[in-house]
Amino acid sequence: MTNHLHAETRLPRNRNEGILFMLIISIISVNTIAPVITGLELGFSKEVYLNTLKIIPVMWVIIVLSVNLIAGPIVAKLTPKIEGQNDGFNARVLLHIVLNVTVLSIMMSIIGTWVGTRQISLKPFENFLHIWPRNFGVAFWIELLIAQPIARYVMKKMHARQAAQTASVNS
């Protein structure tokens, strides 16, 4: 995001807030996206869900590393080439979500299959054109409607509380 959005109350303003923001999004995303995609792949049942819970900690680590080491740098390079100078906050957030989800869903359609099946195989490549659009759709809507709004709400409330504390100290 660009500097003029740095003052935006719905976004993190420093490293610690950035970590909190990422933790909120990643925990919500991994705990919703993985079970939904696995359920769509294997059927929705208690057994499938419980097996999915076993791989969530591993997937969470993979996601956090992927966001920071791969998706983040790619999105940071692509965003300025695509966004317009007059784009508003919502347009920029939507672009950021689309780019991040695209990169991560491509990666996780392959890596997630390997982690879920506990074996490295060609299966995710053979089924890629079938599974990736579905995985992208699930991840996109969860990010857009659940994970990102909750994280931005937390930031907004945190910044409002900080502003109120600063105002009371200055009074």
N, C-alpha and C. Protein backbone atom coordinates (compact mmCIF):
# COMPACT_ATOMS: atom_id res chain seq x y z
N MET A 1 0.84 -1.18 0.00
CA MET A 1 0.00 0.00 0.00
C MET A 1 0.89 1.24 0.00
N THR A 2 0.38 2.30 -0.51
CA THR A 2 1.19 3.49 -0.63
C THR A 2 1.22 4.27 0.68
N ASN A 3 2.13 5.26 0.77
CA ASN A 3 2.33 6.01 2.00
C ASN A 3 1.10 6.76 2.48
N HIS A 4 0.32 7.33 1.55
CA HIS A 4 -0.83 8.11 2.01
C HIS A 4 -1.88 7.21 2.69
N LEU A 5 -1.79 5.92 2.48
CA LEU A 5 -2.70 5.01 3.16
C LEU A 5 -2.14 4.58 4.51
N HIS A 6 -0.86 4.93 4.78
CA HIS A 6 -0.25 4.53 6.04
C HIS A 6 -1.01 5.12 7.24
N ALA A 7 -1.60 6.29 7.07
CA ALA A 7 -2.37 6.92 8.14
C ALA A 7 -3.77 6.34 8.25
N GLU A 8 -4.16 5.50 7.33
CA GLU A 8 -5.48 4.86 7.34
C GLU A 8 -5.65 4.06 8.64
N THR A 9 -6.76 4.30 9.33
CA THR A 9 -6.97 3.63 10.63
C THR A 9 -7.27 2.15 10.50
N ARG A 10 -7.63 1.69 9.30
CA ARG A 10 -7.98 0.28 9.12
C ARG A 10 -6.77 -0.58 8.76
N LEU A 11 -5.60 0.02 8.69
CA LEU A 11 -4.38 -0.71 8.33
C LEU A 11 -3.34 -0.58 9.43
N PRO A 12 -2.43 -1.55 9.51
CA PRO A 12 -1.36 -1.45 10.52
C PRO A 12 -0.46 -0.26 10.24
N ARG A 13 0.04 0.34 11.32
CA ARG A 13 0.89 1.53 11.20
C ARG A 13 2.34 1.26 11.55
N ASN A 14 2.61 0.12 12.14
CA ASN A 14 3.99 -0.20 12.51
C ASN A 14 4.19 -1.72 12.44
N ARG A 15 5.39 -2.15 12.73
CA ARG A 15 5.74 -3.57 12.60
C ARG A 15 4.88 -4.46 13.50
N ASN A 16 4.70 -4.06 14.76
CA ASN A 16 3.91 -4.88 15.69
C ASN A 16 2.45 -5.00 15.24
N GLU A 17 1.90 -3.89 14.78
CA GLU A 17 0.54 -3.93 14.26
C GLU A 17 0.47 -4.77 13.01
N GLY A 18 1.51 -4.71 12.18
CA GLY A 18 1.57 -5.54 10.98
C GLY A 18 1.58 -7.02 11.32
N ILE A 19 2.30 -7.37 12.36
CA ILE A 19 2.34 -8.77 12.81
C ILE A 19 0.97 -9.19 13.30
N LEU A 20 0.34 -8.35 14.12
CA LEU A 20 -1.01 -8.66 14.61
C LEU A 20 -1.99 -8.81 13.46
N PHE A 21 -1.93 -7.88 12.52
CA PHE A 21 -2.80 -7.90 11.34
C PHE A 21 -2.63 -9.22 10.58
N MET A 22 -1.38 -9.60 10.34
CA MET A 22 -1.10 -10.84 9.62
C MET A 22 -1.55 -12.06 10.42
N LEU A 23 -1.35 -12.04 11.73
CA LEU A 23 -1.79 -13.17 12.56
C LEU A 23 -3.30 -13.35 12.49
N ILE A 24 -4.03 -12.25 12.59
CA ILE A 24 -5.49 -12.33 12.52
C ILE A 24 -5.92 -12.93 11.19
N ILE A 25 -5.41 -12.37 10.10
CA ILE A 25 -5.81 -12.84 8.77
C ILE A 25 -5.39 -14.29 8.55
N SER A 26 -4.16 -14.63 8.92
CA SER A 26 -3.67 -15.98 8.65
C SER A 26 -4.39 -17.03 9.49
N ILE A 27 -4.65 -16.74 10.74
CA ILE A 27 -5.35 -17.71 11.59
C ILE A 27 -6.78 -17.92 11.10
N ILE A 28 -7.47 -16.84 10.78
CA ILE A 28 -8.84 -16.98 10.26
C ILE A 28 -8.82 -17.73 8.93
N SER A 29 -7.91 -17.34 8.05
CA SER A 29 -7.86 -17.94 6.72
C SER A 29 -7.56 -19.43 6.76
N VAL A 30 -6.52 -19.81 7.50
CA VAL A 30 -6.14 -21.22 7.55
C VAL A 30 -7.24 -22.06 8.20
N ASN A 31 -7.90 -21.51 9.21
CA ASN A 31 -8.94 -22.27 9.91
C ASN A 31 -10.27 -22.31 9.17
N THR A 32 -10.41 -21.54 8.11
CA THR A 32 -11.64 -21.61 7.33
C THR A 32 -11.40 -22.15 5.92
N ILE A 33 -10.36 -21.64 5.26
CA ILE A 33 -10.11 -22.05 3.88
C ILE A 33 -9.75 -23.53 3.79
N ALA A 34 -8.82 -23.99 4.62
CA ALA A 34 -8.39 -25.39 4.56
C ALA A 34 -9.56 -26.36 4.78
N PRO A 35 -10.39 -26.18 5.82
CA PRO A 35 -11.51 -27.11 5.98
C PRO A 35 -12.53 -27.06 4.84
N VAL A 36 -12.80 -25.88 4.31
CA VAL A 36 -13.76 -25.78 3.21
C VAL A 36 -13.23 -26.48 1.96
N ILE A 37 -11.98 -26.19 1.60
CA ILE A 37 -11.41 -26.81 0.40
C ILE A 37 -11.30 -28.33 0.58
N THR A 38 -10.87 -28.77 1.75
CA THR A 38 -10.78 -30.21 2.01
C THR A 38 -12.16 -30.85 1.95
N GLY A 39 -13.15 -30.18 2.52
CA GLY A 39 -14.52 -30.70 2.46
C GLY A 39 -15.03 -30.80 1.04
N LEU A 40 -14.72 -29.81 0.23
CA LEU A 40 -15.14 -29.86 -1.18
C LEU A 40 -14.43 -30.99 -1.93
N GLU A 41 -13.21 -31.26 -1.54
CA GLU A 41 -12.41 -32.30 -2.21
C GLU A 41 -12.82 -33.70 -1.75
N LEU A 42 -12.99 -33.88 -0.44
CA LEU A 42 -13.20 -35.22 0.13
C LEU A 42 -14.59 -35.45 0.69
N GLY A 43 -15.39 -34.42 0.73
CA GLY A 43 -16.72 -34.52 1.32
C GLY A 43 -16.70 -33.92 2.73
N PHE A 44 -17.83 -33.39 3.12
CA PHE A 44 -17.91 -32.77 4.44
C PHE A 44 -18.37 -33.81 5.45
N SER A 45 -17.47 -34.16 6.34
CA SER A 45 -17.79 -35.11 7.40
C SER A 45 -16.95 -34.77 8.62
N LYS A 46 -17.33 -35.31 9.75
CA LYS A 46 -16.60 -35.08 10.99
C LYS A 46 -15.16 -35.60 10.86
N GLU A 47 -15.00 -36.76 10.26
CA GLU A 47 -13.67 -37.37 10.11
C GLU A 47 -12.76 -36.50 9.24
N VAL A 48 -13.30 -36.02 8.12
CA VAL A 48 -12.52 -35.17 7.22
C VAL A 48 -12.12 -33.90 7.94
N TYR A 49 -13.05 -33.31 8.68
CA TYR A 49 -12.75 -32.08 9.41
C TYR A 49 -11.67 -32.32 10.47
N LEU A 50 -11.78 -33.40 11.24
CA LEU A 50 -10.79 -33.70 12.27
C LEU A 50 -9.41 -33.96 11.66
N ASN A 51 -9.36 -34.62 10.51
CA ASN A 51 -8.08 -34.82 9.83
C ASN A 51 -7.50 -33.51 9.33
N THR A 52 -8.37 -32.61 8.90
CA THR A 52 -7.92 -31.29 8.45
C THR A 52 -7.31 -30.51 9.60
N LEU A 53 -7.91 -30.63 10.78
CA LEU A 53 -7.38 -29.91 11.95
C LEU A 53 -5.95 -30.32 12.26
N LYS A 54 -5.59 -31.56 11.94
CA LYS A 54 -4.23 -32.05 12.21
C LYS A 54 -3.18 -31.36 11.34
N ILE A 55 -3.56 -30.94 10.14
CA ILE A 55 -2.57 -30.32 9.25
C ILE A 55 -2.59 -28.79 9.32
N ILE A 56 -3.56 -28.22 10.00
CA ILE A 56 -3.67 -26.77 10.06
C ILE A 56 -2.42 -26.10 10.64
N PRO A 57 -1.81 -26.59 11.71
CA PRO A 57 -0.59 -25.92 12.21
C PRO A 57 0.53 -25.90 11.16
N VAL A 58 0.71 -26.97 10.43
CA VAL A 58 1.73 -27.02 9.38
C VAL A 58 1.36 -26.05 8.27
N MET A 59 0.11 -26.04 7.86
CA MET A 59 -0.33 -25.14 6.80
C MET A 59 -0.19 -23.68 7.23
N TRP A 60 -0.45 -23.39 8.50
CA TRP A 60 -0.33 -22.02 8.98
C TRP A 60 1.11 -21.54 8.84
N VAL A 61 2.07 -22.37 9.24
CA VAL A 61 3.48 -22.00 9.11
C VAL A 61 3.84 -21.78 7.63
N ILE A 62 3.39 -22.68 6.77
CA ILE A 62 3.66 -22.57 5.33
C ILE A 62 3.06 -21.28 4.78
N ILE A 63 1.84 -20.97 5.17
CA ILE A 63 1.17 -19.75 4.69
C ILE A 63 1.91 -18.50 5.14
N VAL A 64 2.25 -18.43 6.41
CA VAL A 64 2.94 -17.24 6.93
C VAL A 64 4.28 -17.05 6.21
N LEU A 65 5.03 -18.13 6.04
CA LEU A 65 6.31 -18.03 5.32
C LEU A 65 6.08 -17.64 3.87
N SER A 66 5.08 -18.23 3.24
CA SER A 66 4.78 -17.93 1.83
C SER A 66 4.37 -16.48 1.64
N VAL A 67 3.56 -15.97 2.55
CA VAL A 67 3.14 -14.57 2.46
C VAL A 67 4.35 -13.65 2.57
N ASN A 68 5.19 -13.91 3.54
CA ASN A 68 6.33 -13.01 3.80
C ASN A 68 7.47 -13.15 2.80
N LEU A 69 7.71 -14.36 2.33
CA LEU A 69 8.88 -14.59 1.48
C LEU A 69 8.58 -14.62 -0.01
N ILE A 70 7.34 -14.94 -0.38
CA ILE A 70 7.03 -15.09 -1.80
C ILE A 70 5.92 -14.14 -2.25
N ALA A 71 4.72 -14.32 -1.70
CA ALA A 71 3.58 -13.52 -2.15
C ALA A 71 3.78 -12.03 -1.89
N GLY A 72 4.24 -11.67 -0.69
CA GLY A 72 4.43 -10.27 -0.35
C GLY A 72 5.34 -9.54 -1.33
N PRO A 73 6.54 -10.07 -1.59
CA PRO A 73 7.41 -9.39 -2.55
C PRO A 73 6.83 -9.33 -3.97
N ILE A 74 6.16 -10.39 -4.41
CA ILE A 74 5.56 -10.37 -5.75
C ILE A 74 4.47 -9.31 -5.82
N VAL A 75 3.60 -9.29 -4.83
CA VAL A 75 2.49 -8.33 -4.80
C VAL A 75 3.03 -6.90 -4.69
N ALA A 76 4.09 -6.72 -3.91
CA ALA A 76 4.68 -5.38 -3.76
C ALA A 76 5.21 -4.86 -5.10
N LYS A 77 5.71 -5.75 -5.94
CA LYS A 77 6.22 -5.33 -7.25
C LYS A 77 5.09 -5.10 -8.26
N LEU A 78 4.04 -5.91 -8.17
CA LEU A 78 2.94 -5.81 -9.14
C LEU A 78 1.99 -4.65 -8.84
N THR A 79 1.72 -4.42 -7.57
CA THR A 79 0.71 -3.43 -7.18
C THR A 79 0.93 -2.05 -7.80
N PRO A 80 2.13 -1.46 -7.70
CA PRO A 80 2.32 -0.12 -8.28
C PRO A 80 2.11 -0.08 -9.79
N LYS A 81 2.30 -1.20 -10.46
CA LYS A 81 2.14 -1.25 -11.91
C LYS A 81 0.67 -1.31 -12.31
N ILE A 82 -0.19 -1.72 -11.38
CA ILE A 82 -1.60 -1.92 -11.70
C ILE A 82 -2.49 -0.83 -11.13
N GLU A 83 -2.23 -0.43 -9.88
CA GLU A 83 -3.13 0.53 -9.24
C GLU A 83 -2.97 1.92 -9.82
N GLY A 84 -4.08 2.63 -9.81
CA GLY A 84 -4.07 4.01 -10.29
C GLY A 84 -3.81 4.97 -9.15
N GLN A 85 -3.27 6.13 -9.47
CA GLN A 85 -2.97 7.13 -8.44
C GLN A 85 -4.24 7.61 -7.73
N ASN A 86 -5.35 7.57 -8.44
CA ASN A 86 -6.61 8.06 -7.86
C ASN A 86 -7.47 6.95 -7.28
N ASP A 87 -6.94 5.72 -7.26
CA ASP A 87 -7.71 4.62 -6.68
C ASP A 87 -7.93 4.87 -5.19
N GLY A 88 -9.14 4.59 -4.73
CA GLY A 88 -9.46 4.77 -3.33
C GLY A 88 -9.03 3.57 -2.48
N PHE A 89 -9.29 3.69 -1.21
CA PHE A 89 -8.90 2.65 -0.26
C PHE A 89 -9.47 1.29 -0.64
N ASN A 90 -10.76 1.23 -0.91
CA ASN A 90 -11.39 -0.05 -1.22
C ASN A 90 -10.83 -0.69 -2.49
N ALA A 91 -10.56 0.10 -3.50
CA ALA A 91 -9.99 -0.42 -4.74
C ALA A 91 -8.60 -0.98 -4.48
N ARG A 92 -7.81 -0.28 -3.68
CA ARG A 92 -6.45 -0.74 -3.37
C ARG A 92 -6.49 -2.03 -2.54
N VAL A 93 -7.38 -2.08 -1.57
CA VAL A 93 -7.51 -3.29 -0.75
C VAL A 93 -7.95 -4.46 -1.62
N LEU A 94 -8.92 -4.24 -2.48
CA LEU A 94 -9.40 -5.30 -3.36
C LEU A 94 -8.27 -5.81 -4.28
N LEU A 95 -7.51 -4.91 -4.85
CA LEU A 95 -6.38 -5.31 -5.70
C LEU A 95 -5.38 -6.12 -4.89
N HIS A 96 -5.08 -5.66 -3.70
CA HIS A 96 -4.13 -6.36 -2.83
C HIS A 96 -4.63 -7.78 -2.52
N ILE A 97 -5.91 -7.91 -2.22
CA ILE A 97 -6.49 -9.22 -1.93
C ILE A 97 -6.42 -10.12 -3.16
N VAL A 98 -6.82 -9.59 -4.31
CA VAL A 98 -6.80 -10.39 -5.55
C VAL A 98 -5.39 -10.89 -5.85
N LEU A 99 -4.42 -10.02 -5.77
CA LEU A 99 -3.04 -10.42 -6.08
C LEU A 99 -2.50 -11.43 -5.07
N ASN A 100 -2.71 -11.16 -3.79
CA ASN A 100 -2.24 -12.10 -2.77
C ASN A 100 -2.92 -13.46 -2.89
N VAL A 101 -4.23 -13.45 -3.05
CA VAL A 101 -4.95 -14.72 -3.14
C VAL A 101 -4.55 -15.47 -4.41
N THR A 102 -4.30 -14.76 -5.49
CA THR A 102 -3.87 -15.42 -6.72
C THR A 102 -2.55 -16.15 -6.50
N VAL A 103 -1.56 -15.44 -5.98
CA VAL A 103 -0.25 -16.06 -5.76
C VAL A 103 -0.35 -17.21 -4.76
N LEU A 104 -1.00 -16.96 -3.64
CA LEU A 104 -1.08 -17.99 -2.60
C LEU A 104 -1.93 -19.19 -3.02
N SER A 105 -3.01 -18.94 -3.74
CA SER A 105 -3.86 -20.07 -4.14
C SER A 105 -3.16 -20.95 -5.17
N ILE A 106 -2.35 -20.35 -6.02
CA ILE A 106 -1.57 -21.16 -6.97
C ILE A 106 -0.60 -22.06 -6.19
N MET A 107 0.12 -21.44 -5.26
CA MET A 107 1.09 -22.20 -4.47
C MET A 107 0.42 -23.27 -3.60
N MET A 108 -0.65 -22.87 -2.91
CA MET A 108 -1.28 -23.79 -1.97
C MET A 108 -2.08 -24.89 -2.66
N SER A 109 -2.49 -24.66 -3.91
CA SER A 109 -3.15 -25.74 -4.65
C SER A 109 -2.19 -26.90 -4.86
N ILE A 110 -0.92 -26.61 -4.87
CA ILE A 110 0.10 -27.65 -5.03
C ILE A 110 0.61 -28.10 -3.66
N ILE A 111 1.11 -27.17 -2.88
CA ILE A 111 1.70 -27.51 -1.57
C ILE A 111 0.65 -28.07 -0.62
N GLY A 112 -0.54 -27.48 -0.62
CA GLY A 112 -1.61 -27.96 0.26
C GLY A 112 -1.97 -29.41 -0.02
N THR A 113 -1.98 -29.78 -1.30
CA THR A 113 -2.26 -31.17 -1.66
C THR A 113 -1.16 -32.07 -1.12
N TRP A 114 0.08 -31.65 -1.25
CA TRP A 114 1.19 -32.45 -0.75
C TRP A 114 1.12 -32.61 0.77
N VAL A 115 0.82 -31.53 1.48
CA VAL A 115 0.74 -31.60 2.94
C VAL A 115 -0.47 -32.45 3.35
N GLY A 116 -1.60 -32.23 2.69
CA GLY A 116 -2.81 -32.97 3.04
C GLY A 116 -2.71 -34.46 2.79
N THR A 117 -2.06 -34.83 1.69
CA THR A 117 -1.91 -36.26 1.38
C THR A 117 -0.64 -36.85 1.98
N ARG A 118 0.18 -35.98 2.54
CA ARG A 118 1.45 -36.38 3.15
C ARG A 118 2.39 -37.07 2.16
N GLN A 119 2.34 -36.60 0.92
CA GLN A 119 3.26 -37.12 -0.09
C GLN A 119 3.41 -36.12 -1.23
N ILE A 120 4.61 -36.07 -1.77
CA ILE A 120 4.86 -35.21 -2.92
C ILE A 120 4.60 -36.05 -4.16
N SER A 121 3.68 -35.56 -4.98
CA SER A 121 3.30 -36.29 -6.19
C SER A 121 2.98 -35.30 -7.30
N LEU A 122 2.66 -35.82 -8.45
CA LEU A 122 2.26 -34.98 -9.58
C LEU A 122 0.76 -34.69 -9.56
N LYS A 123 0.03 -35.28 -8.62
CA LYS A 123 -1.43 -35.12 -8.57
C LYS A 123 -1.89 -33.66 -8.62
N PRO A 124 -1.29 -32.75 -7.83
CA PRO A 124 -1.79 -31.37 -7.90
C PRO A 124 -1.55 -30.72 -9.26
N PHE A 125 -0.52 -31.14 -9.96
CA PHE A 125 -0.26 -30.60 -11.30
C PHE A 125 -1.25 -31.17 -12.31
N GLU A 126 -1.55 -32.45 -12.16
CA GLU A 126 -2.49 -33.10 -13.06
C GLU A 126 -3.90 -32.54 -12.91
N ASN A 127 -4.25 -32.15 -11.69
CA ASN A 127 -5.60 -31.65 -11.40
C ASN A 127 -5.65 -30.13 -11.26
N PHE A 128 -4.54 -29.44 -11.57
CA PHE A 128 -4.43 -28.02 -11.30
C PHE A 128 -5.57 -27.20 -11.91
N LEU A 129 -5.89 -27.42 -13.17
CA LEU A 129 -6.93 -26.62 -13.82
C LEU A 129 -8.32 -26.87 -13.22
N HIS A 130 -8.47 -27.98 -12.54
CA HIS A 130 -9.73 -28.28 -11.86
C HIS A 130 -9.76 -27.68 -10.45
N ILE A 131 -8.63 -27.82 -9.72
CA ILE A 131 -8.65 -27.42 -8.32
C ILE A 131 -8.32 -25.95 -8.08
N TRP A 132 -7.45 -25.36 -8.90
CA TRP A 132 -7.04 -23.98 -8.61
C TRP A 132 -8.19 -22.97 -8.67
N PRO A 133 -9.04 -22.97 -9.71
CA PRO A 133 -10.12 -21.97 -9.71
C PRO A 133 -11.04 -22.10 -8.49
N ARG A 134 -11.32 -23.32 -8.10
CA ARG A 134 -12.15 -23.54 -6.91
C ARG A 134 -11.44 -23.02 -5.66
N ASN A 135 -10.16 -23.36 -5.52
CA ASN A 135 -9.39 -22.91 -4.36
C ASN A 135 -9.28 -21.39 -4.33
N PHE A 136 -9.05 -20.79 -5.49
CA PHE A 136 -8.99 -19.33 -5.57
C PHE A 136 -10.32 -18.73 -5.10
N GLY A 137 -11.43 -19.25 -5.60
CA GLY A 137 -12.74 -18.72 -5.23
C GLY A 137 -13.01 -18.81 -3.75
N VAL A 138 -12.73 -19.95 -3.17
CA VAL A 138 -12.94 -20.13 -1.72
C VAL A 138 -12.08 -19.14 -0.95
N ALA A 139 -10.79 -19.10 -1.27
CA ALA A 139 -9.87 -18.22 -0.55
C ALA A 139 -10.23 -16.74 -0.74
N PHE A 140 -10.57 -16.36 -1.97
CA PHE A 140 -10.90 -14.97 -2.26
C PHE A 140 -12.09 -14.49 -1.43
N TRP A 141 -13.17 -15.27 -1.43
CA TRP A 141 -14.37 -14.82 -0.72
C TRP A 141 -14.17 -14.84 0.79
N ILE A 142 -13.42 -15.80 1.32
CA ILE A 142 -13.15 -15.81 2.76
C ILE A 142 -12.29 -14.61 3.14
N GLU A 143 -11.27 -14.31 2.34
CA GLU A 143 -10.43 -13.14 2.59
C GLU A 143 -11.24 -11.86 2.50
N LEU A 144 -12.03 -11.73 1.44
CA LEU A 144 -12.77 -10.51 1.18
C LEU A 144 -13.88 -10.25 2.20
N LEU A 145 -14.60 -11.30 2.59
CA LEU A 145 -15.78 -11.13 3.43
C LEU A 145 -15.57 -11.42 4.91
N ILE A 146 -14.50 -12.15 5.26
CA ILE A 146 -14.33 -12.53 6.67
C ILE A 146 -12.98 -12.07 7.23
N ALA A 147 -11.89 -12.63 6.72
CA ALA A 147 -10.58 -12.41 7.34
C ALA A 147 -10.12 -10.96 7.29
N GLN A 148 -10.13 -10.36 6.10
CA GLN A 148 -9.67 -8.98 5.97
C GLN A 148 -10.55 -7.99 6.73
N PRO A 149 -11.88 -8.08 6.62
CA PRO A 149 -12.71 -7.12 7.39
C PRO A 149 -12.50 -7.23 8.90
N ILE A 150 -12.33 -8.44 9.41
CA ILE A 150 -12.10 -8.59 10.85
C ILE A 150 -10.77 -7.95 11.24
N ALA A 151 -9.72 -8.21 10.47
CA ALA A 151 -8.41 -7.63 10.78
C ALA A 151 -8.45 -6.11 10.69
N ARG A 152 -9.12 -5.56 9.69
CA ARG A 152 -9.22 -4.10 9.57
C ARG A 152 -10.06 -3.51 10.71
N TYR A 153 -11.10 -4.22 11.14
CA TYR A 153 -11.92 -3.77 12.27
C TYR A 153 -11.08 -3.70 13.54
N VAL A 154 -10.26 -4.72 13.77
CA VAL A 154 -9.38 -4.73 14.94
C VAL A 154 -8.42 -3.54 14.89
N MET A 155 -7.83 -3.29 13.72
CA MET A 155 -6.92 -2.15 13.57
C MET A 155 -7.66 -0.83 13.86
N LYS A 156 -8.84 -0.70 13.31
CA LYS A 156 -9.61 0.54 13.50
C LYS A 156 -9.92 0.77 14.98
N LYS A 157 -10.34 -0.28 15.67
CA LYS A 157 -10.65 -0.16 17.10
C LYS A 157 -9.38 0.14 17.90
N MET A 158 -8.29 -0.50 17.55
CA MET A 158 -7.02 -0.27 18.23
C MET A 158 -6.56 1.17 18.06
N HIS A 159 -6.65 1.68 16.82
CA HIS A 159 -6.25 3.06 16.55
C HIS A 159 -7.18 4.07 17.22
N ALA A 160 -8.45 3.75 17.28
CA ALA A 160 -9.39 4.63 17.97
C ALA A 160 -9.07 4.70 19.47
N ARG A 161 -8.74 3.56 20.05
CA ARG A 161 -8.37 3.51 21.47
C ARG A 161 -7.07 4.30 21.70
N GLN A 162 -6.10 4.14 20.80
CA GLN A 162 -4.84 4.89 20.92
C GLN A 162 -5.10 6.40 20.80
N ALA A 163 -5.96 6.79 19.88
CA ALA A 163 -6.27 8.22 19.70
C ALA A 163 -6.98 8.78 20.94
N ALA A 164 -7.85 7.98 21.51
CA ALA A 164 -8.56 8.42 22.72
C ALA A 164 -7.59 8.57 23.90
N GLN A 165 -6.65 7.65 24.01
CA GLN A 165 -5.64 7.73 25.07
C GLN A 165 -4.76 8.96 24.88
N THR A 166 -4.35 9.22 23.65
CA THR A 166 -3.52 10.38 23.35
C THR A 166 -4.28 11.67 23.64
N ALA A 167 -5.55 11.70 23.29
CA ALA A 167 -6.39 12.89 23.53
C ALA A 167 -6.55 13.14 25.02
N SER A 168 -6.73 12.09 25.81
CA SER A 168 -6.92 12.26 27.25
C SER A 168 -5.62 12.69 27.94
N VAL A 169 -4.49 12.23 27.42
CA VAL A 169 -3.20 12.64 27.97
C VAL A 169 -2.92 14.11 27.65
N ASN A 170 -3.32 14.53 26.43
CA ASN A 170 -3.08 15.91 26.00
C ASN A 170 -4.09 16.91 26.59
N SER A 171 -5.13 16.41 27.23
CA SER A 171 -6.15 17.32 27.79
C SER A 171 -5.75 17.85 29.14
